[in-house]
Amino acid sequence: MPGTRYHHSNIGWNIAGLIVQRAAGESLPVLYRERIFKPLGLTHTTYAPQGPIPGRHAEGYLIARNGSMTDATDRTFGKGADGAIVTDATDEATFLRALINDKLRVRDAFLLFVHPTGWTPTKGGCPGSPVEGVGTGSASRSYVYLATTGNRIAVLLLNGDRAATGADDPEAEAAAASLYCGA
């Protein structure tokens, strides 16, 4: 039933991006730059849907079951609204703080989107009822914990991912939770 649970879909994000472009009459790069990156002062953030990634950035690695790593930084071709933004932890935290403090005027919609039926804190003993997010790229993984008050944020960006092997990364998730609890 619509509105009862969240499900991520890359094609869904790309369709949403096409709708936004059509409604605004501007391209996604212009919209991101003029409506988000510049106003929030995100100086280490770019939209790079077709690769290669411009400027200084971390290299990304696929991590095989045996621990060997393959540089997959250039595997960004063809991304769109589903994940072509490259950023650092400071800019990501700045964006999240602006989002939760409603500087982008979408706070309520965001909270309803990520938790349509409400939620309970999962980081026992840590204040703030965090919104949690895990994202993966072709060779990266991110963990984000964000208090709904905006006063506690943890961002852990990894330049390696075991997603291709189907493996979770409990150590990285625990580290991100520890960052959140200590924030």
Protein backbone atom coordinates (compact mmCIF):
# COMPACT_ATOMS: atom_id res chain seq x y z
CA MET A 1 0.00 0.00 0.00
CA PRO A 2 1.49 3.39 -0.97
CA GLY A 3 2.86 5.46 1.91
CA THR A 4 3.30 2.57 4.32
CA ARG A 5 6.95 1.72 3.76
CA TYR A 6 10.11 2.91 2.06
CA HIS A 7 11.77 1.08 -0.81
CA HIS A 8 14.85 2.41 -2.59
CA SER A 9 14.91 2.18 -6.36
CA ASN A 10 17.62 3.61 -8.62
CA ILE A 11 15.21 3.90 -11.53
CA GLY A 12 12.72 5.63 -9.22
CA TRP A 13 15.32 8.29 -8.31
CA ASN A 14 16.21 8.77 -11.97
CA ILE A 15 12.55 9.22 -12.91
CA ALA A 16 12.14 11.70 -10.05
CA GLY A 17 15.19 13.59 -11.40
CA LEU A 18 13.61 13.75 -14.86
CA ILE A 19 10.36 15.07 -13.37
CA VAL A 20 12.24 17.73 -11.38
CA GLN A 21 14.15 18.85 -14.49
CA ARG A 22 10.96 19.11 -16.53
CA ALA A 23 9.04 20.96 -13.79
CA ALA A 24 11.89 23.41 -13.12
CA GLY A 25 12.93 23.87 -16.74
CA GLU A 26 16.59 23.42 -15.74
CA SER A 27 19.08 20.56 -15.83
CA LEU A 28 19.99 18.63 -12.67
CA PRO A 29 23.54 20.02 -12.59
CA VAL A 30 22.18 23.58 -12.59
CA LEU A 31 19.47 22.77 -10.03
CA TYR A 32 21.90 21.08 -7.65
CA ARG A 33 24.47 23.86 -7.98
CA GLU A 34 22.07 26.83 -7.74
CA ARG A 35 19.54 25.49 -5.23
CA ILE A 36 21.65 23.31 -2.95
CA PHE A 37 25.45 23.42 -3.35
CA LYS A 38 25.95 27.22 -3.57
CA PRO A 39 23.35 28.33 -0.98
CA LEU A 40 24.66 25.80 1.56
CA GLY A 41 28.33 26.53 0.81
CA LEU A 42 29.10 22.94 -0.22
CA THR A 43 32.54 23.60 -1.69
CA HIS A 44 33.66 19.95 -1.81
CA THR A 45 30.56 18.61 -3.55
CA THR A 46 29.94 18.03 -7.23
CA TYR A 47 27.45 16.32 -9.48
CA ALA A 48 29.37 13.91 -11.74
CA PRO A 49 26.90 11.66 -13.56
CA GLN A 50 29.10 10.63 -16.46
CA GLY A 51 32.56 10.36 -14.88
CA PRO A 52 35.37 10.84 -14.53
CA ILE A 53 34.98 12.58 -11.18
CA PRO A 54 36.47 16.09 -11.37
CA GLY A 55 38.83 17.53 -8.78
CA ARG A 56 40.39 15.89 -5.74
CA HIS A 57 38.52 12.86 -4.44
CA ALA A 58 39.12 9.52 -2.80
CA GLU A 59 39.71 6.48 -4.94
CA GLY A 60 37.04 3.78 -4.58
CA TYR A 61 37.71 0.06 -4.32
CA LEU A 62 35.67 -3.08 -4.71
CA ILE A 63 36.69 -5.53 -2.00
CA ALA A 64 36.53 -9.21 -2.97
CA ARG A 65 35.82 -12.09 -0.58
CA ASN A 66 39.55 -12.83 -0.40
CA GLY A 67 40.28 -9.21 0.58
CA SER A 68 41.81 -8.18 -2.74
CA MET A 69 40.85 -4.73 -3.96
CA THR A 70 40.06 -3.44 -7.44
CA ASP A 71 40.11 0.29 -8.14
CA ALA A 72 36.62 1.09 -9.40
CA THR A 73 36.66 4.87 -9.04
CA ASP A 74 35.85 5.39 -12.71
CA ARG A 75 32.72 3.22 -12.62
CA THR A 76 30.37 6.17 -12.27
CA PHE A 77 29.30 6.40 -15.91
CA GLY A 78 25.57 6.52 -16.39
CA LYS A 79 24.62 7.65 -12.90
CA GLY A 80 22.00 10.32 -12.52
CA ALA A 81 19.69 11.47 -9.75
CA ASP A 82 20.25 8.02 -8.21
CA GLY A 83 23.75 8.69 -6.97
CA ALA A 84 26.03 10.90 -9.00
CA ILE A 85 26.80 13.38 -6.22
CA VAL A 86 30.36 13.22 -4.91
CA THR A 87 31.04 14.88 -1.56
CA ASP A 88 33.10 14.76 1.60
CA ALA A 89 31.90 14.10 5.16
CA THR A 90 31.88 17.77 6.16
CA ASP A 91 29.72 18.84 3.22
CA GLU A 92 27.42 15.87 3.76
CA ALA A 93 26.94 16.83 7.41
CA THR A 94 26.29 20.45 6.37
CA PHE A 95 23.66 19.28 3.88
CA LEU A 96 22.00 17.00 6.43
CA ARG A 97 21.90 19.73 9.07
CA ALA A 98 20.28 22.10 6.55
CA LEU A 99 17.81 19.39 5.54
CA ILE A 100 16.73 18.57 9.09
CA ASN A 101 16.66 22.25 10.13
CA ASP A 102 14.34 22.88 7.15
CA LYS A 103 16.60 25.31 5.28
CA LEU A 104 15.62 23.43 2.12
CA ARG A 105 11.92 23.57 3.09
CA VAL A 106 11.44 19.80 2.75
CA ARG A 107 12.03 18.53 6.32
CA ASP A 108 8.58 17.06 6.92
CA ALA A 109 8.46 15.43 3.49
CA PHE A 110 11.95 13.99 4.06
CA LEU A 111 11.02 12.50 7.44
CA LEU A 112 7.78 11.09 6.05
CA PHE A 113 9.70 9.65 3.09
CA VAL A 114 12.35 7.82 5.11
CA HIS A 115 9.99 6.69 7.87
CA PRO A 116 6.36 6.86 6.70
CA THR A 117 4.96 5.07 9.76
CA GLY A 118 7.32 6.54 12.35
CA TRP A 119 10.30 4.85 13.95
CA THR A 120 11.97 4.07 17.21
CA PRO A 121 15.60 4.81 18.02
CA THR A 122 17.85 1.89 17.17
CA LYS A 123 21.07 3.21 18.66
CA GLY A 124 20.23 2.29 22.25
CA GLY A 125 21.31 4.86 24.79
CA CYS A 126 22.10 7.54 22.22
CA PRO A 127 19.85 10.59 22.20
CA GLY A 128 18.12 11.97 19.19
CA SER A 129 16.00 9.21 17.58
CA PRO A 130 18.31 8.97 14.56
CA VAL A 131 17.30 8.74 10.96
CA GLU A 132 19.70 6.16 9.57
CA GLY A 133 21.00 5.81 6.06
CA VAL A 134 23.35 3.45 4.29
CA GLY A 135 24.37 4.11 0.73
CA THR A 136 26.64 2.37 -1.71
CA GLY A 137 28.27 3.45 -4.92
CA SER A 138 30.19 1.36 -7.38
CA ALA A 139 33.10 1.28 -4.94
CA SER A 140 32.08 3.17 -1.84
CA ARG A 141 29.77 2.94 1.13
CA SER A 142 28.36 5.58 3.44
CA TYR A 143 26.69 5.43 6.82
CA VAL A 144 24.73 8.39 8.13
CA TYR A 145 22.99 8.85 11.47
CA LEU A 146 21.04 12.07 11.93
CA ALA A 147 19.06 13.19 14.98
CA THR A 148 15.70 14.66 14.07
CA THR A 149 16.71 17.72 16.11
CA GLY A 150 19.75 18.30 13.88
CA ASN A 151 22.13 18.57 16.81
CA ARG A 152 23.72 15.14 16.41
CA ILE A 153 25.06 13.94 13.06
CA ALA A 154 27.56 11.24 12.15
CA VAL A 155 28.81 10.64 8.62
CA LEU A 156 31.17 7.78 7.81
CA LEU A 157 32.34 7.59 4.20
CA LEU A 158 34.29 4.53 3.09
CA ASN A 159 36.25 4.28 -0.12
CA GLY A 160 35.72 0.54 -0.37
CA ASP A 161 32.67 -1.68 -0.61
CA ARG A 162 31.99 -5.37 -0.16
CA ALA A 163 28.49 -5.03 -1.68
CA ALA A 164 29.49 -6.98 -4.79
CA THR A 165 30.19 -9.98 -2.57
CA GLY A 166 26.88 -9.63 -0.75
CA ALA A 167 28.73 -9.09 2.53
CA ASP A 168 27.57 -6.63 5.16
CA ASP A 169 30.15 -4.56 6.99
CA PRO A 170 29.23 -4.80 10.68
CA GLU A 171 32.50 -3.16 11.77
CA ALA A 172 31.80 -0.07 9.67
CA GLU A 173 28.19 0.09 10.87
CA ALA A 174 29.37 -0.18 14.49
CA ALA A 175 31.94 2.57 13.89
CA ALA A 176 29.27 4.86 12.45
CA ALA A 177 26.97 4.19 15.41
CA SER A 178 29.85 4.94 17.78
CA LEU A 179 30.49 8.23 15.96
CA TYR A 180 26.83 9.13 16.34
CA CYS A 181 26.74 8.27 20.04
CA GLY A 182 29.89 10.33 20.61
CA ALA A 183 28.77 13.33 18.55
